Amino acid sequence: MEQENDIVLTADGHRRISEELEHLRTVRRREVADRIRESKTFGEFAENSEYEDAKNEQAFVEGRVLELKLVLQNASVLAPEDIPTDVVGLGSKVTVRDMDSKEQWEYTIVGSIEADPSEDRISDESPVGESLMDHKVGDVVEVRVPAGKAKYKIIKINK
């Protein structure tokens, strides 16, 4: 069994993080270096806000590169057979129906590292994700949302 602090990624999440790391290494580093080189022509470093901005951006890029390297070094990737379909778990795609509005959504439950609510990839630690975990098709779960409480019925669970 995995320790609580282990990083677990879906195969898609691992791919996305690897692609972001490669982009930062090959494209962003070069762009930032070009900005630094260009900003040196704008005058003294002490009074050069363009240079300062470029150096700050460089620090951010290098910090993100380190962060992503650590994630990939310490992560385990979920095998397709490890993604449950009988109950909601990490990697599950869950279709839920709001019991009030009758709207349906499909969420993929992922670890917090790869969560992206704009793409319906929600963390197992988020209010919705945590409420759905370990429930089965047909279960109605209560979720604390900013507007109060919502009830979602689990319609389907797949990979």
N, C-alpha and C. Protein backbone atom coordinates (compact mmCIF):
# COMPACT_ATOMS: atom_id res chain seq x y z
N MET A 1 0.85 -1.19 0.00
CA MET A 1 0.00 0.00 0.00
C MET A 1 0.88 1.23 0.00
N GLU A 2 0.45 2.27 -0.68
CA GLU A 2 1.26 3.47 -0.80
C GLU A 2 1.15 4.33 0.45
N GLN A 3 2.22 5.06 0.71
CA GLN A 3 2.20 6.00 1.82
C GLN A 3 1.32 7.18 1.46
N GLU A 4 0.86 7.88 2.48
CA GLU A 4 -0.06 8.99 2.28
C GLU A 4 0.55 10.12 1.46
N ASN A 5 1.87 10.34 1.56
CA ASN A 5 2.51 11.45 0.88
C ASN A 5 3.00 11.10 -0.53
N ASP A 6 2.79 9.87 -0.99
CA ASP A 6 3.21 9.49 -2.32
C ASP A 6 2.43 10.29 -3.35
N ILE A 7 3.08 10.56 -4.45
CA ILE A 7 2.43 11.26 -5.56
C ILE A 7 1.95 10.20 -6.53
N VAL A 8 0.68 10.19 -6.81
CA VAL A 8 0.10 9.25 -7.75
C VAL A 8 -0.44 10.04 -8.93
N LEU A 9 -0.01 9.63 -10.12
CA LEU A 9 -0.44 10.30 -11.34
C LEU A 9 -1.16 9.32 -12.25
N THR A 10 -2.11 9.83 -13.01
CA THR A 10 -2.68 9.04 -14.08
C THR A 10 -1.66 9.05 -15.22
N ALA A 11 -1.80 8.16 -16.17
CA ALA A 11 -0.88 8.15 -17.32
C ALA A 11 -0.98 9.48 -18.07
N ASP A 12 -2.19 10.01 -18.20
CA ASP A 12 -2.38 11.29 -18.87
C ASP A 12 -1.72 12.42 -18.09
N GLY A 13 -1.85 12.40 -16.78
CA GLY A 13 -1.21 13.42 -15.94
C GLY A 13 0.30 13.36 -16.05
N HIS A 14 0.86 12.15 -16.08
CA HIS A 14 2.31 11.99 -16.23
C HIS A 14 2.75 12.57 -17.58
N ARG A 15 1.99 12.28 -18.62
CA ARG A 15 2.31 12.80 -19.95
C ARG A 15 2.26 14.32 -19.96
N ARG A 16 1.23 14.91 -19.37
CA ARG A 16 1.09 16.37 -19.35
C ARG A 16 2.25 17.04 -18.60
N ILE A 17 2.62 16.47 -17.46
CA ILE A 17 3.71 17.04 -16.67
C ILE A 17 5.03 16.90 -17.43
N SER A 18 5.24 15.76 -18.07
CA SER A 18 6.46 15.55 -18.86
C SER A 18 6.53 16.55 -20.01
N GLU A 19 5.40 16.79 -20.67
CA GLU A 19 5.37 17.75 -21.78
C GLU A 19 5.63 19.17 -21.29
N GLU A 20 5.06 19.53 -20.14
CA GLU A 20 5.30 20.87 -19.59
C GLU A 20 6.79 21.03 -19.25
N LEU A 21 7.38 20.02 -18.64
CA LEU A 21 8.80 20.07 -18.29
C LEU A 21 9.65 20.23 -19.55
N GLU A 22 9.35 19.46 -20.58
CA GLU A 22 10.11 19.55 -21.83
C GLU A 22 9.96 20.94 -22.46
N HIS A 23 8.75 21.49 -22.42
CA HIS A 23 8.51 22.84 -22.97
C HIS A 23 9.32 23.89 -22.19
N LEU A 24 9.32 23.78 -20.88
CA LEU A 24 10.08 24.73 -20.07
C LEU A 24 11.58 24.63 -20.38
N ARG A 25 12.08 23.41 -20.51
CA ARG A 25 13.51 23.20 -20.77
C ARG A 25 13.93 23.68 -22.15
N THR A 26 13.11 23.41 -23.15
CA THR A 26 13.52 23.67 -24.53
C THR A 26 13.06 25.00 -25.09
N VAL A 27 11.90 25.48 -24.66
CA VAL A 27 11.36 26.71 -25.23
C VAL A 27 11.45 27.89 -24.26
N ARG A 28 10.88 27.73 -23.09
CA ARG A 28 10.81 28.86 -22.15
C ARG A 28 12.19 29.33 -21.69
N ARG A 29 13.09 28.39 -21.41
CA ARG A 29 14.45 28.80 -21.00
C ARG A 29 15.10 29.68 -22.07
N ARG A 30 14.96 29.28 -23.32
CA ARG A 30 15.55 30.05 -24.42
C ARG A 30 14.89 31.42 -24.54
N GLU A 31 13.56 31.46 -24.41
CA GLU A 31 12.85 32.74 -24.49
C GLU A 31 13.29 33.69 -23.37
N VAL A 32 13.41 33.17 -22.17
CA VAL A 32 13.82 34.00 -21.03
C VAL A 32 15.26 34.47 -21.20
N ALA A 33 16.13 33.59 -21.66
CA ALA A 33 17.52 33.98 -21.89
C ALA A 33 17.59 35.10 -22.94
N ASP A 34 16.78 34.99 -23.98
CA ASP A 34 16.73 36.05 -25.00
C ASP A 34 16.24 37.37 -24.40
N ARG A 35 15.23 37.29 -23.53
CA ARG A 35 14.72 38.51 -22.86
C ARG A 35 15.80 39.16 -22.00
N ILE A 36 16.55 38.34 -21.28
CA ILE A 36 17.61 38.88 -20.42
C ILE A 36 18.67 39.55 -21.29
N ARG A 37 19.08 38.87 -22.35
CA ARG A 37 20.09 39.43 -23.25
C ARG A 37 19.62 40.76 -23.84
N GLU A 38 18.36 40.79 -24.28
CA GLU A 38 17.81 42.01 -24.88
C GLU A 38 17.67 43.13 -23.85
N SER A 39 17.29 42.78 -22.63
CA SER A 39 17.07 43.81 -21.61
C SER A 39 18.36 44.50 -21.19
N LYS A 40 19.48 43.84 -21.39
CA LYS A 40 20.77 44.45 -21.04
C LYS A 40 21.05 45.69 -21.88
N THR A 41 20.39 45.79 -23.02
CA THR A 41 20.60 46.96 -23.88
C THR A 41 19.79 48.17 -23.41
N PHE A 42 18.93 47.98 -22.41
CA PHE A 42 18.06 49.06 -21.94
C PHE A 42 18.69 49.94 -20.87
N GLY A 43 19.95 49.69 -20.53
CA GLY A 43 20.60 50.58 -19.57
C GLY A 43 21.10 49.86 -18.34
N GLU A 44 21.44 50.66 -17.33
CA GLU A 44 21.98 50.16 -16.07
C GLU A 44 21.03 49.14 -15.43
N PHE A 45 21.60 48.08 -14.87
CA PHE A 45 20.79 47.04 -14.23
C PHE A 45 19.99 47.58 -13.05
N ALA A 46 20.55 48.50 -12.31
CA ALA A 46 19.87 49.04 -11.12
C ALA A 46 18.59 49.77 -11.48
N GLU A 47 18.51 50.31 -12.67
CA GLU A 47 17.33 51.09 -13.08
C GLU A 47 16.56 50.41 -14.21
N ASN A 48 16.87 49.15 -14.47
CA ASN A 48 16.32 48.46 -15.63
C ASN A 48 15.21 47.49 -15.19
N SER A 49 13.97 47.94 -15.27
CA SER A 49 12.85 47.09 -14.84
C SER A 49 12.65 45.90 -15.78
N GLU A 50 12.96 46.06 -17.05
CA GLU A 50 12.83 44.95 -18.00
C GLU A 50 13.79 43.81 -17.61
N TYR A 51 15.00 44.16 -17.24
CA TYR A 51 15.99 43.17 -16.80
C TYR A 51 15.51 42.47 -15.53
N GLU A 52 15.01 43.26 -14.60
CA GLU A 52 14.50 42.70 -13.33
C GLU A 52 13.34 41.73 -13.59
N ASP A 53 12.41 42.12 -14.47
CA ASP A 53 11.29 41.25 -14.81
C ASP A 53 11.78 39.95 -15.46
N ALA A 54 12.75 40.07 -16.36
CA ALA A 54 13.26 38.88 -17.04
C ALA A 54 13.96 37.94 -16.05
N LYS A 55 14.71 38.51 -15.10
CA LYS A 55 15.38 37.68 -14.09
C LYS A 55 14.35 37.00 -13.18
N ASN A 56 13.27 37.71 -12.84
CA ASN A 56 12.20 37.10 -12.04
C ASN A 56 11.54 35.96 -12.79
N GLU A 57 11.32 36.16 -14.09
CA GLU A 57 10.71 35.11 -14.90
C GLU A 57 11.65 33.90 -14.98
N GLN A 58 12.95 34.17 -15.10
CA GLN A 58 13.92 33.08 -15.13
C GLN A 58 13.85 32.27 -13.82
N ALA A 59 13.76 32.96 -12.70
CA ALA A 59 13.68 32.28 -11.41
C ALA A 59 12.41 31.42 -11.34
N PHE A 60 11.29 31.95 -11.84
CA PHE A 60 10.05 31.20 -11.84
C PHE A 60 10.18 29.93 -12.70
N VAL A 61 10.72 30.09 -13.91
CA VAL A 61 10.87 28.95 -14.82
C VAL A 61 11.76 27.88 -14.20
N GLU A 62 12.90 28.30 -13.63
CA GLU A 62 13.81 27.33 -13.03
C GLU A 62 13.18 26.64 -11.81
N GLY A 63 12.40 27.40 -11.04
CA GLY A 63 11.70 26.81 -9.90
C GLY A 63 10.68 25.78 -10.35
N ARG A 64 9.96 26.10 -11.41
CA ARG A 64 8.96 25.17 -11.94
C ARG A 64 9.63 23.92 -12.51
N VAL A 65 10.76 24.09 -13.18
CA VAL A 65 11.50 22.93 -13.71
C VAL A 65 11.88 22.00 -12.56
N LEU A 66 12.42 22.56 -11.49
CA LEU A 66 12.79 21.75 -10.33
C LEU A 66 11.58 21.03 -9.74
N GLU A 67 10.48 21.78 -9.60
CA GLU A 67 9.25 21.20 -9.03
C GLU A 67 8.76 20.02 -9.87
N LEU A 68 8.72 20.20 -11.20
CA LEU A 68 8.23 19.14 -12.07
C LEU A 68 9.16 17.93 -12.08
N LYS A 69 10.47 18.18 -12.04
CA LYS A 69 11.43 17.07 -11.97
C LYS A 69 11.20 16.24 -10.71
N LEU A 70 11.00 16.93 -9.59
CA LEU A 70 10.75 16.22 -8.33
C LEU A 70 9.46 15.41 -8.38
N VAL A 71 8.42 16.00 -8.97
CA VAL A 71 7.15 15.29 -9.09
C VAL A 71 7.36 14.01 -9.89
N LEU A 72 8.02 14.12 -11.05
CA LEU A 72 8.21 12.95 -11.90
C LEU A 72 9.11 11.90 -11.24
N GLN A 73 10.12 12.35 -10.49
CA GLN A 73 11.01 11.41 -9.82
C GLN A 73 10.31 10.64 -8.70
N ASN A 74 9.35 11.29 -8.05
CA ASN A 74 8.70 10.69 -6.88
C ASN A 74 7.31 10.13 -7.15
N ALA A 75 6.85 10.22 -8.38
CA ALA A 75 5.49 9.81 -8.69
C ALA A 75 5.42 8.35 -9.11
N SER A 76 4.29 7.77 -8.79
CA SER A 76 3.98 6.46 -9.35
C SER A 76 2.80 6.69 -10.30
N VAL A 77 2.81 5.95 -11.40
CA VAL A 77 1.77 6.12 -12.42
C VAL A 77 0.77 4.98 -12.27
N LEU A 78 -0.50 5.35 -12.23
CA LEU A 78 -1.57 4.36 -12.14
C LEU A 78 -1.61 3.52 -13.41
N ALA A 79 -1.58 2.23 -13.24
CA ALA A 79 -1.77 1.33 -14.38
C ALA A 79 -3.27 1.27 -14.66
N PRO A 80 -3.66 1.07 -15.92
CA PRO A 80 -5.09 1.02 -16.24
C PRO A 80 -5.87 0.04 -15.37
N GLU A 81 -5.23 -1.08 -15.02
CA GLU A 81 -5.93 -2.07 -14.19
C GLU A 81 -6.09 -1.63 -12.74
N ASP A 82 -5.37 -0.57 -12.35
CA ASP A 82 -5.49 -0.04 -10.98
C ASP A 82 -6.59 1.01 -10.85
N ILE A 83 -7.19 1.40 -11.97
CA ILE A 83 -8.25 2.40 -11.93
C ILE A 83 -9.58 1.68 -11.70
N PRO A 84 -10.20 1.96 -10.56
CA PRO A 84 -11.44 1.23 -10.25
C PRO A 84 -12.63 1.71 -11.08
N THR A 85 -13.53 0.77 -11.37
CA THR A 85 -14.78 1.12 -12.04
C THR A 85 -15.99 0.69 -11.22
N ASP A 86 -15.75 -0.05 -10.11
CA ASP A 86 -16.85 -0.46 -9.25
C ASP A 86 -17.15 0.60 -8.19
N VAL A 87 -16.12 1.36 -7.80
CA VAL A 87 -16.27 2.49 -6.89
C VAL A 87 -15.43 3.63 -7.44
N VAL A 88 -15.71 4.84 -6.98
CA VAL A 88 -14.93 6.00 -7.42
C VAL A 88 -13.57 5.97 -6.74
N GLY A 89 -12.52 6.10 -7.53
CA GLY A 89 -11.15 6.13 -7.02
C GLY A 89 -10.28 6.97 -7.93
N LEU A 90 -9.00 7.04 -7.61
CA LEU A 90 -8.07 7.80 -8.44
C LEU A 90 -8.07 7.26 -9.87
N GLY A 91 -8.20 8.16 -10.82
CA GLY A 91 -8.23 7.79 -12.23
C GLY A 91 -9.61 7.53 -12.77
N SER A 92 -10.60 7.37 -11.91
CA SER A 92 -11.97 7.09 -12.37
C SER A 92 -12.56 8.30 -13.08
N LYS A 93 -13.31 8.01 -14.14
CA LYS A 93 -14.14 9.03 -14.78
C LYS A 93 -15.54 8.80 -14.25
N VAL A 94 -16.08 9.84 -13.63
CA VAL A 94 -17.36 9.70 -12.93
C VAL A 94 -18.37 10.65 -13.55
N THR A 95 -19.51 10.09 -13.94
CA THR A 95 -20.60 10.93 -14.41
C THR A 95 -21.56 11.11 -13.25
N VAL A 96 -21.85 12.37 -12.93
CA VAL A 96 -22.76 12.67 -11.82
C VAL A 96 -23.90 13.56 -12.32
N ARG A 97 -25.03 13.46 -11.62
CA ARG A 97 -26.19 14.31 -11.93
C ARG A 97 -26.53 15.11 -10.69
N ASP A 98 -26.64 16.42 -10.85
CA ASP A 98 -27.07 17.28 -9.76
C ASP A 98 -28.55 16.97 -9.52
N MET A 99 -28.89 16.63 -8.29
CA MET A 99 -30.26 16.21 -7.97
C MET A 99 -31.26 17.36 -8.06
N ASP A 100 -30.79 18.61 -7.95
CA ASP A 100 -31.71 19.76 -8.06
C ASP A 100 -31.86 20.23 -9.50
N SER A 101 -30.75 20.53 -10.14
CA SER A 101 -30.82 21.10 -11.49
C SER A 101 -30.94 20.04 -12.58
N LYS A 102 -30.66 18.79 -12.25
CA LYS A 102 -30.67 17.65 -13.18
C LYS A 102 -29.56 17.73 -14.23
N GLU A 103 -28.63 18.67 -14.08
CA GLU A 103 -27.48 18.76 -14.99
C GLU A 103 -26.54 17.60 -14.71
N GLN A 104 -25.83 17.16 -15.77
CA GLN A 104 -24.86 16.09 -15.62
C GLN A 104 -23.47 16.60 -15.98
N TRP A 105 -22.46 16.05 -15.27
CA TRP A 105 -21.07 16.37 -15.55
C TRP A 105 -20.27 15.09 -15.48
N GLU A 106 -19.14 15.10 -16.19
CA GLU A 106 -18.19 13.99 -16.06
C GLU A 106 -16.90 14.57 -15.51
N TYR A 107 -16.43 14.00 -14.41
CA TYR A 107 -15.18 14.40 -13.79
C TYR A 107 -14.20 13.23 -13.86
N THR A 108 -12.93 13.57 -13.97
CA THR A 108 -11.88 12.57 -13.78
C THR A 108 -11.26 12.88 -12.42
N ILE A 109 -11.19 11.88 -11.57
CA ILE A 109 -10.64 12.06 -10.22
C ILE A 109 -9.13 11.83 -10.30
N VAL A 110 -8.37 12.85 -9.93
CA VAL A 110 -6.91 12.79 -10.01
C VAL A 110 -6.30 13.29 -8.70
N GLY A 111 -5.00 13.12 -8.55
CA GLY A 111 -4.30 13.68 -7.41
C GLY A 111 -4.20 15.19 -7.55
N SER A 112 -3.90 15.86 -6.45
CA SER A 112 -3.89 17.33 -6.46
C SER A 112 -2.86 17.91 -7.42
N ILE A 113 -1.78 17.20 -7.70
CA ILE A 113 -0.72 17.68 -8.59
C ILE A 113 -1.26 17.91 -10.00
N GLU A 114 -2.14 17.04 -10.46
CA GLU A 114 -2.61 17.15 -11.84
C GLU A 114 -4.04 17.67 -11.98
N ALA A 115 -4.61 18.16 -10.89
CA ALA A 115 -5.97 18.69 -10.95
C ALA A 115 -6.03 19.91 -11.86
N ASP A 116 -7.10 19.99 -12.65
CA ASP A 116 -7.36 21.13 -13.53
C ASP A 116 -8.87 21.23 -13.71
N PRO A 117 -9.53 21.99 -12.81
CA PRO A 117 -10.99 22.07 -12.87
C PRO A 117 -11.53 22.55 -14.22
N SER A 118 -10.75 23.36 -14.94
CA SER A 118 -11.22 23.85 -16.24
C SER A 118 -11.35 22.71 -17.26
N GLU A 119 -10.67 21.59 -16.99
CA GLU A 119 -10.76 20.41 -17.86
C GLU A 119 -11.49 19.26 -17.16
N ASP A 120 -12.23 19.60 -16.09
CA ASP A 120 -13.00 18.62 -15.32
C ASP A 120 -12.12 17.52 -14.74
N ARG A 121 -10.89 17.86 -14.41
CA ARG A 121 -9.96 16.95 -13.72
C ARG A 121 -9.88 17.47 -12.29
N ILE A 122 -10.62 16.80 -11.38
CA ILE A 122 -10.71 17.32 -10.01
C ILE A 122 -9.93 16.44 -9.05
N SER A 123 -9.37 17.09 -8.05
CA SER A 123 -8.55 16.42 -7.06
C SER A 123 -9.41 15.55 -6.14
N ASP A 124 -8.82 14.45 -5.73
CA ASP A 124 -9.48 13.59 -4.75
C ASP A 124 -9.56 14.27 -3.39
N GLU A 125 -8.85 15.40 -3.23
CA GLU A 125 -8.87 16.15 -1.98
C GLU A 125 -9.83 17.34 -2.04
N SER A 126 -10.38 17.63 -3.22
CA SER A 126 -11.34 18.73 -3.35
C SER A 126 -12.66 18.32 -2.71
N PRO A 127 -13.52 19.27 -2.39
CA PRO A 127 -14.81 18.90 -1.77
C PRO A 127 -15.62 17.90 -2.61
N VAL A 128 -15.71 18.12 -3.92
CA VAL A 128 -16.47 17.20 -4.77
C VAL A 128 -15.75 15.87 -4.87
N GLY A 129 -14.45 15.91 -5.16
CA GLY A 129 -13.68 14.67 -5.30
C GLY A 129 -13.69 13.82 -4.05
N GLU A 130 -13.47 14.47 -2.91
CA GLU A 130 -13.45 13.74 -1.64
C GLU A 130 -14.82 13.12 -1.34
N SER A 131 -15.89 13.83 -1.66
CA SER A 131 -17.24 13.31 -1.41
C SER A 131 -17.57 12.11 -2.29
N LEU A 132 -17.02 12.10 -3.51
CA LEU A 132 -17.32 11.01 -4.44
C LEU A 132 -16.50 9.75 -4.17
N MET A 133 -15.33 9.90 -3.58
CA MET A 133 -14.42 8.76 -3.39
C MET A 133 -15.10 7.60 -2.67
N ASP A 134 -14.84 6.42 -3.19
CA ASP A 134 -15.30 5.15 -2.61
C ASP A 134 -16.81 4.92 -2.70
N HIS A 135 -17.52 5.75 -3.46
CA HIS A 135 -18.95 5.53 -3.66
C HIS A 135 -19.20 4.78 -4.96
N LYS A 136 -20.40 4.21 -5.06
CA LYS A 136 -20.76 3.37 -6.21
C LYS A 136 -21.82 4.04 -7.07
N VAL A 137 -22.02 3.46 -8.26
CA VAL A 137 -23.09 3.91 -9.14
C VAL A 137 -24.41 3.81 -8.39
N GLY A 138 -25.21 4.85 -8.49
CA GLY A 138 -26.51 4.89 -7.81
C GLY A 138 -26.46 5.62 -6.48
N ASP A 139 -25.27 5.75 -5.89
CA ASP A 139 -25.15 6.47 -4.62
C ASP A 139 -25.42 7.96 -4.82
N VAL A 140 -26.04 8.57 -3.83
CA VAL A 140 -26.23 10.01 -3.82
C VAL A 140 -25.31 10.56 -2.73
N VAL A 141 -24.45 11.49 -3.11
CA VAL A 141 -23.51 12.07 -2.16
C VAL A 141 -23.83 13.54 -1.95
N GLU A 142 -23.58 13.98 -0.74
CA GLU A 142 -23.78 15.39 -0.41
C GLU A 142 -22.43 16.08 -0.45
N VAL A 143 -22.39 17.22 -1.13
CA VAL A 143 -21.13 17.94 -1.32
C VAL A 143 -21.29 19.38 -0.83
N ARG A 144 -20.33 19.83 -0.05
CA ARG A 144 -20.32 21.25 0.34
C ARG A 144 -19.76 22.05 -0.82
N VAL A 145 -20.56 22.97 -1.30
CA VAL A 145 -20.16 23.86 -2.39
C VAL A 145 -20.29 25.29 -1.88
N PRO A 146 -19.69 26.27 -2.59
CA PRO A 146 -19.77 27.65 -2.11
C PRO A 146 -21.20 28.14 -1.82
N ALA A 147 -22.16 27.62 -2.57
CA ALA A 147 -23.54 28.06 -2.38
C ALA A 147 -24.25 27.28 -1.28
N GLY A 148 -23.55 26.39 -0.61
CA GLY A 148 -24.18 25.59 0.45
C GLY A 148 -23.88 24.12 0.27
N LYS A 149 -24.94 23.33 0.12
CA LYS A 149 -24.78 21.88 -0.09
C LYS A 149 -25.46 21.49 -1.39
N ALA A 150 -24.86 20.54 -2.08
CA ALA A 150 -25.46 20.00 -3.30
C ALA A 150 -25.49 18.49 -3.16
N LYS A 151 -26.42 17.88 -3.85
CA LYS A 151 -26.51 16.42 -3.87
C LYS A 151 -26.29 15.95 -5.29
N TYR A 152 -25.33 15.03 -5.43
CA TYR A 152 -25.00 14.47 -6.73
C TYR A 152 -25.25 12.97 -6.71
N LYS A 153 -25.90 12.47 -7.75
CA LYS A 153 -26.10 11.04 -7.91
C LYS A 153 -25.04 10.53 -8.89
N ILE A 154 -24.38 9.45 -8.53
CA ILE A 154 -23.37 8.86 -9.41
C ILE A 154 -24.09 8.01 -10.46
N ILE A 155 -23.92 8.42 -11.71
CA ILE A 155 -24.60 7.77 -12.83
C ILE A 155 -23.73 6.68 -13.46
N LYS A 156 -22.42 6.96 -13.59
CA LYS A 156 -21.53 6.02 -14.28
C LYS A 156 -20.11 6.19 -13.76
N ILE A 157 -19.37 5.11 -13.72
CA ILE A 157 -17.95 5.13 -13.36
C ILE A 157 -17.22 4.31 -14.43
N ASN A 158 -16.22 4.91 -15.06
CA ASN A 158 -15.40 4.16 -16.02
C ASN A 158 -13.97 4.66 -16.00
N LYS A 159 -13.14 4.11 -16.87
CA LYS A 159 -11.72 4.46 -16.92
C LYS A 159 -11.49 5.57 -17.90
